[in-house]
Amino acid sequence: MTMETIFENLRTLQDILSQKITLEHDIQETPKILNAQEELLARLKKTFIEKNQEYERARLAEAEYRNLLMEAEQSREHAEKNMDSINTQREYEALDKEIRDASDKEQQYRKDLQNQERILLDLDEQMRQNAGLIQQQEAELAERRASIEMEIAEKKAQVEQLVEQERAVTPDIDSEILFKFERIIRNKMGRGIVPIKGGVCMGCHMILPAQFANTVHQGEEIVFCPYCSRILFYEEAGQGEEDFFDIEDAGSLADLDDMEEEEYEEDEDEEEEKINVDYDD
């Protein structure tokens, strides 16, 4: 297989892997859409349980006030009946106080009982509304979950098709290169193979050392960009691009270091001449 065919297969593989990675990400992230609805449903159920517990406490309090009211009424009625059998003023005063105390308790218990009955009615209404919301959320969640499961199944089928396409274009490519290539695509937003134009990597837009540019231009082996790690292939520069980036003038990483050293030495010479002139003056 020629290098030209390998590069063509890598470009094809790049498209396949980009689609597959996107689908795999969607398959992983799509179920998270349900999190908000599931959290809402959980809160509704928690609220329903709390309201139910509050309702049970109110029901017990209502029953207790009803019994206390009944006892107060019986105590008052019993005291009123005994009014006909009293013989002294002291007995009258004591019985009259007993009647008044029983009447006061009766009124207070009746108020407490009415208050608890209102609480029970209010809680019952809240629980019925909450139960309706729970039923609605459960139905919507089930429908949404079924839709997502169908969507995920379709995307998994698409992934399987892409895997078959991937196998068709990779049998003659080294497994280590394939592993690195897929990792690059995952890390570089779907771009694992890019051209160089005028000695510049079109992935990271860095000027490449001459040996890299020349090697890529020859197209006899797979070369990775020393800056962004993408696979490089040669592509003719467009009109005007060669004027800015000529392969012959690109130099190497060492050349860049030499240029910096020369500029530094020139700056030192200029500074020294300036000092000498000042001294002579």
Protein backbone atom coordinates (compact mmCIF):
# COMPACT_ATOMS: atom_id res chain seq x y z
CA MET A 1 0.00 0.00 0.00
CA THR A 2 1.41 3.41 -0.97
CA MET A 3 1.80 6.25 1.51
CA GLU A 4 -0.71 8.25 -0.51
CA THR A 5 -3.27 5.50 0.06
CA ILE A 6 -2.40 5.36 3.76
CA PHE A 7 -2.89 9.11 4.12
CA GLU A 8 -6.20 8.85 2.27
CA ASN A 9 -7.28 6.04 4.62
CA LEU A 10 -6.24 8.12 7.62
CA ARG A 11 -8.33 11.04 6.41
CA THR A 12 -11.26 8.67 5.93
CA LEU A 13 -10.61 7.18 9.34
CA GLN A 14 -10.53 10.67 10.85
CA ASP A 15 -14.11 11.29 9.70
CA ILE A 16 -15.21 7.87 10.96
CA LEU A 17 -13.58 8.31 14.37
CA SER A 18 -14.94 11.82 14.76
CA GLN A 19 -18.48 10.57 14.17
CA LYS A 20 -17.96 7.56 16.43
CA ILE A 21 -16.52 9.64 19.27
CA THR A 22 -19.41 12.10 19.02
CA LEU A 23 -21.94 9.27 19.11
CA GLU A 24 -20.21 7.58 22.06
CA HIS A 25 -20.25 10.90 23.93
CA ASP A 26 -23.96 11.32 23.18
CA ILE A 27 -24.69 7.76 24.34
CA GLN A 28 -22.94 8.52 27.62
CA GLU A 29 -24.40 11.97 28.17
CA THR A 30 -27.97 11.58 26.87
CA PRO A 31 -29.30 9.68 29.93
CA LYS A 32 -28.18 12.61 32.10
CA ILE A 33 -31.02 14.62 30.54
CA LEU A 34 -33.34 12.65 32.82
CA ASN A 35 -31.49 13.74 35.98
CA ALA A 36 -33.54 16.91 36.43
CA GLN A 37 -36.84 15.05 36.06
CA GLU A 38 -35.68 12.25 38.34
CA GLU A 39 -34.58 14.76 40.98
CA LEU A 40 -37.94 16.55 40.73
CA LEU A 41 -39.80 13.25 41.11
CA ALA A 42 -37.65 12.31 44.11
CA ARG A 43 -38.42 15.66 45.76
CA LEU A 44 -42.14 15.24 45.11
CA LYS A 45 -42.11 11.76 46.67
CA LYS A 46 -40.13 13.01 49.65
CA THR A 47 -42.61 15.86 50.12
CA PHE A 48 -45.52 13.41 49.86
CA ILE A 49 -44.02 11.19 52.56
CA GLU A 50 -43.39 14.19 54.82
CA LYS A 51 -46.94 15.47 54.29
CA ASN A 52 -48.34 12.01 54.99
CA GLN A 53 -46.41 11.84 58.26
CA GLU A 54 -47.63 15.33 59.14
CA TYR A 55 -51.19 14.27 58.29
CA GLU A 56 -50.93 11.24 60.61
CA ARG A 57 -49.72 13.45 63.47
CA ALA A 58 -52.56 15.91 62.84
CA ARG A 59 -55.08 13.03 62.74
CA LEU A 60 -53.88 11.72 66.11
CA ALA A 61 -54.03 15.25 67.59
CA GLU A 62 -57.55 15.67 66.19
CA ALA A 63 -58.66 12.41 67.81
CA GLU A 64 -57.09 13.45 71.12
CA TYR A 65 -58.85 16.85 71.11
CA ARG A 66 -62.14 15.13 70.26
CA ASN A 67 -61.77 12.86 73.31
CA LEU A 68 -60.79 15.79 75.55
CA LEU A 69 -63.80 17.74 74.33
CA MET A 70 -66.07 14.81 75.05
CA GLU A 71 -64.66 14.49 78.59
CA ALA A 72 -65.10 18.25 79.20
CA GLU A 73 -68.72 18.12 77.99
CA GLN A 74 -69.46 15.11 80.20
CA SER A 75 -67.83 16.83 83.20
CA ARG A 76 -69.90 19.98 82.66
CA GLU A 77 -73.15 18.05 82.19
CA HIS A 78 -72.47 15.99 85.31
CA ALA A 79 -71.83 19.12 87.38
CA GLU A 80 -74.99 20.77 86.06
CA LYS A 81 -77.07 17.75 87.11
CA ASN A 82 -75.64 17.93 90.63
CA MET A 83 -76.86 21.52 91.00
CA ASP A 84 -80.30 20.21 92.07
CA SER A 85 -78.84 18.26 95.00
CA ILE A 86 -76.68 20.90 96.71
CA ASN A 87 -77.51 22.02 100.28
CA THR A 88 -74.96 24.71 101.19
CA GLN A 89 -73.46 27.85 99.71
CA ARG A 90 -70.02 26.30 99.79
CA GLU A 91 -71.22 23.30 97.75
CA TYR A 92 -72.83 25.70 95.28
CA GLU A 93 -69.65 27.73 94.82
CA ALA A 94 -67.51 24.62 94.36
CA LEU A 95 -69.90 23.11 91.85
CA ASP A 96 -70.25 26.42 90.02
CA LYS A 97 -66.46 26.64 89.69
CA GLU A 98 -66.35 23.08 88.39
CA ILE A 99 -68.95 23.95 85.75
CA ARG A 100 -67.06 27.09 84.68
CA ASP A 101 -63.74 25.21 84.44
CA ALA A 102 -65.35 22.45 82.40
CA SER A 103 -66.99 25.02 80.11
CA ASP A 104 -63.66 26.84 79.58
CA LYS A 105 -61.94 23.57 78.72
CA GLU A 106 -64.81 22.62 76.45
CA GLN A 107 -64.50 25.88 74.49
CA GLN A 108 -60.71 25.59 74.23
CA TYR A 109 -60.85 21.95 73.10
CA ARG A 110 -63.53 22.81 70.57
CA LYS A 111 -61.29 25.55 69.12
CA ASP A 112 -58.29 23.18 69.07
CA LEU A 113 -60.42 20.52 67.42
CA GLN A 114 -61.64 22.90 64.72
CA ASN A 115 -58.07 24.06 64.09
CA GLN A 116 -56.86 20.45 63.68
CA GLU A 117 -59.76 19.71 61.32
CA ARG A 118 -58.69 22.65 59.12
CA ILE A 119 -55.09 21.41 59.19
CA LEU A 120 -56.24 17.95 58.15
CA LEU A 121 -58.27 19.34 55.26
CA ASP A 122 -55.35 21.46 54.09
CA LEU A 123 -52.89 18.56 54.32
CA ASP A 124 -55.30 16.26 52.52
CA GLU A 125 -55.58 18.76 49.65
CA GLN A 126 -51.78 19.15 49.47
CA MET A 127 -51.32 15.38 49.42
CA ARG A 128 -53.85 14.94 46.62
CA GLN A 129 -52.13 17.63 44.55
CA ASN A 130 -48.73 16.10 45.29
CA ALA A 131 -49.96 12.64 44.31
CA GLY A 132 -51.27 14.04 41.01
CA LEU A 133 -47.90 15.67 40.28
CA ILE A 134 -46.08 12.45 41.10
CA GLN A 135 -48.31 10.48 38.75
CA GLN A 136 -47.78 13.07 36.00
CA GLN A 137 -44.00 13.14 36.47
CA GLU A 138 -43.78 9.34 36.49
CA ALA A 139 -45.71 9.16 33.21
CA GLU A 140 -43.55 11.87 31.58
CA LEU A 141 -40.35 10.27 32.89
CA ALA A 142 -41.33 6.84 31.59
CA GLU A 143 -42.15 8.30 28.19
CA ARG A 144 -38.92 10.29 28.07
CA ARG A 145 -36.87 7.29 29.22
CA ALA A 146 -38.37 5.11 26.49
CA SER A 147 -37.57 7.79 23.90
CA ILE A 148 -33.98 8.07 25.13
CA GLU A 149 -33.51 4.31 25.15
CA MET A 150 -34.69 4.21 21.54
CA GLU A 151 -32.37 7.08 20.65
CA ILE A 152 -29.41 5.37 22.33
CA ALA A 153 -30.19 2.10 20.55
CA GLU A 154 -30.14 3.92 17.20
CA LYS A 155 -26.83 5.59 18.02
CA LYS A 156 -25.29 2.29 19.12
CA ALA A 157 -26.32 0.82 15.79
CA GLN A 158 -24.63 3.74 14.04
CA VAL A 159 -21.49 3.15 16.11
CA GLU A 160 -21.45 -0.49 15.01
CA GLN A 161 -21.66 0.59 11.38
CA LEU A 162 -18.79 3.03 11.91
CA VAL A 163 -16.73 0.29 13.56
CA GLU A 164 -17.21 -1.86 10.45
CA GLN A 165 -16.12 1.07 8.27
CA GLU A 166 -13.14 1.60 10.57
CA ARG A 167 -12.05 -2.02 10.17
CA ALA A 168 -12.27 -1.68 6.40
CA VAL A 169 -9.72 1.15 6.22
CA THR A 170 -7.27 0.12 8.97
CA PRO A 171 -5.95 -3.39 8.22
CA ASP A 172 -2.67 -2.15 6.73
CA ILE A 173 -2.00 0.62 9.27
CA ASP A 174 0.23 -0.03 12.27
CA SER A 175 -1.79 -0.61 15.45
CA GLU A 176 0.39 1.75 17.50
CA ILE A 177 -0.20 4.54 14.99
CA LEU A 178 -3.94 3.82 15.06
CA PHE A 179 -3.97 3.99 18.86
CA LYS A 180 -2.11 7.31 18.88
CA PHE A 181 -4.22 8.63 16.00
CA GLU A 182 -7.50 7.98 17.83
CA ARG A 183 -6.15 9.54 21.01
CA ILE A 184 -5.11 12.65 19.06
CA ILE A 185 -8.57 12.95 17.50
CA ARG A 186 -10.20 12.69 20.94
CA ASN A 187 -7.90 15.40 22.31
CA LYS A 188 -7.79 17.67 19.26
CA MET A 189 -11.50 18.16 18.56
CA GLY A 190 -11.73 15.60 15.76
CA ARG A 191 -8.59 16.59 13.82
CA GLY A 192 -5.82 14.00 13.82
CA ILE A 193 -4.29 14.52 10.38
CA VAL A 194 -3.64 17.96 8.89
CA PRO A 195 -1.68 19.38 5.95
CA ILE A 196 1.37 21.57 6.04
CA LYS A 197 1.41 24.59 3.77
CA GLY A 198 4.50 26.66 3.22
CA GLY A 199 6.24 24.92 6.11
CA VAL A 200 3.39 25.62 8.55
CA CYS A 201 1.26 23.01 10.38
CA MET A 202 -2.37 23.78 9.62
CA GLY A 203 -3.38 22.21 12.94
CA CYS A 204 -1.44 24.41 15.36
CA HIS A 205 -0.18 27.01 12.84
CA MET A 206 3.40 26.65 14.02
CA ILE A 207 6.37 27.01 11.63
CA LEU A 208 7.90 23.55 11.33
CA PRO A 209 11.63 22.75 11.37
CA ALA A 210 13.02 22.17 7.89
CA GLN A 211 13.72 18.47 8.43
CA PHE A 212 10.09 17.85 9.35
CA ALA A 213 8.76 19.88 6.45
CA ASN A 214 11.09 18.13 3.99
CA THR A 215 10.25 14.68 5.36
CA VAL A 216 6.53 15.37 5.08
CA HIS A 217 7.03 16.76 1.59
CA GLN A 218 8.74 13.54 0.52
CA GLY A 219 5.71 11.57 1.80
CA GLU A 220 7.66 8.37 2.49
CA GLU A 221 6.70 7.93 6.13
CA ILE A 222 4.21 9.05 8.75
CA VAL A 223 5.40 12.14 10.60
CA PHE A 224 3.80 13.70 13.65
CA CYS A 225 3.86 17.44 14.28
CA PRO A 226 6.42 18.18 17.02
CA TYR A 227 4.09 20.84 18.47
CA CYS A 228 0.52 19.46 18.33
CA SER A 229 1.27 15.74 17.66
CA ARG A 230 -1.06 15.56 14.66
CA ILE A 231 -0.11 13.46 11.62
CA LEU A 232 1.13 15.68 8.80
CA PHE A 233 0.79 15.40 5.04
CA TYR A 234 2.01 17.77 2.35
CA GLU A 235 -0.35 20.07 0.52
CA GLU A 236 0.57 22.68 -2.03
CA ALA A 237 0.42 26.19 -0.59
CA GLY A 238 -2.09 28.57 -2.06
CA GLN A 239 -1.32 31.80 -3.91
CA GLY A 240 0.81 34.07 -1.72
CA GLU A 241 1.30 31.55 1.12
CA GLU A 242 4.74 30.45 -0.07
CA ASP A 243 5.89 34.04 0.07
CA PHE A 244 5.52 33.95 3.83
CA PHE A 245 6.54 30.38 4.64
CA ASP A 246 9.11 28.77 2.38
CA ILE A 247 10.15 25.21 3.26
CA GLU A 248 13.76 26.02 2.41
CA ASP A 249 13.72 29.00 4.76
CA ALA A 250 11.81 27.35 7.59
CA GLY A 251 14.97 26.26 9.41
CA SER A 252 14.90 23.93 12.38
CA LEU A 253 14.34 24.19 16.10
CA ALA A 254 18.11 24.62 16.48
CA ASP A 255 18.04 27.43 13.89
CA LEU A 256 15.45 29.26 15.98
CA ASP A 257 17.71 29.00 19.01
CA ASP A 258 20.69 30.32 16.97
CA MET A 259 18.66 33.29 15.79
CA GLU A 260 17.74 34.18 19.35
CA GLU A 261 21.41 33.93 20.43
CA GLU A 262 22.55 36.16 17.52
CA GLU A 263 19.93 38.78 18.39
CA TYR A 264 21.04 38.67 22.02
CA GLU A 265 24.73 39.12 21.02
CA GLU A 266 23.83 42.04 18.75
CA ASP A 267 21.96 43.71 21.61
CA GLU A 268 25.03 43.28 23.86
CA ASP A 269 27.35 44.81 21.21
CA GLU A 270 25.06 47.80 20.78
CA GLU A 271 24.89 48.32 24.55
CA GLU A 272 28.70 48.13 24.84
CA GLU A 273 29.20 50.69 22.03
CA LYS A 274 26.77 53.04 23.74
CA ILE A 275 28.66 52.77 27.04
CA ASN A 276 32.00 53.47 25.28
CA VAL A 277 30.58 56.55 23.58
CA ASP A 278 29.26 57.90 26.86
CA TYR A 279 32.60 57.31 28.50
CA ASP A 280 34.52 59.12 25.70
CA ASP A 281 32.20 62.11 26.05
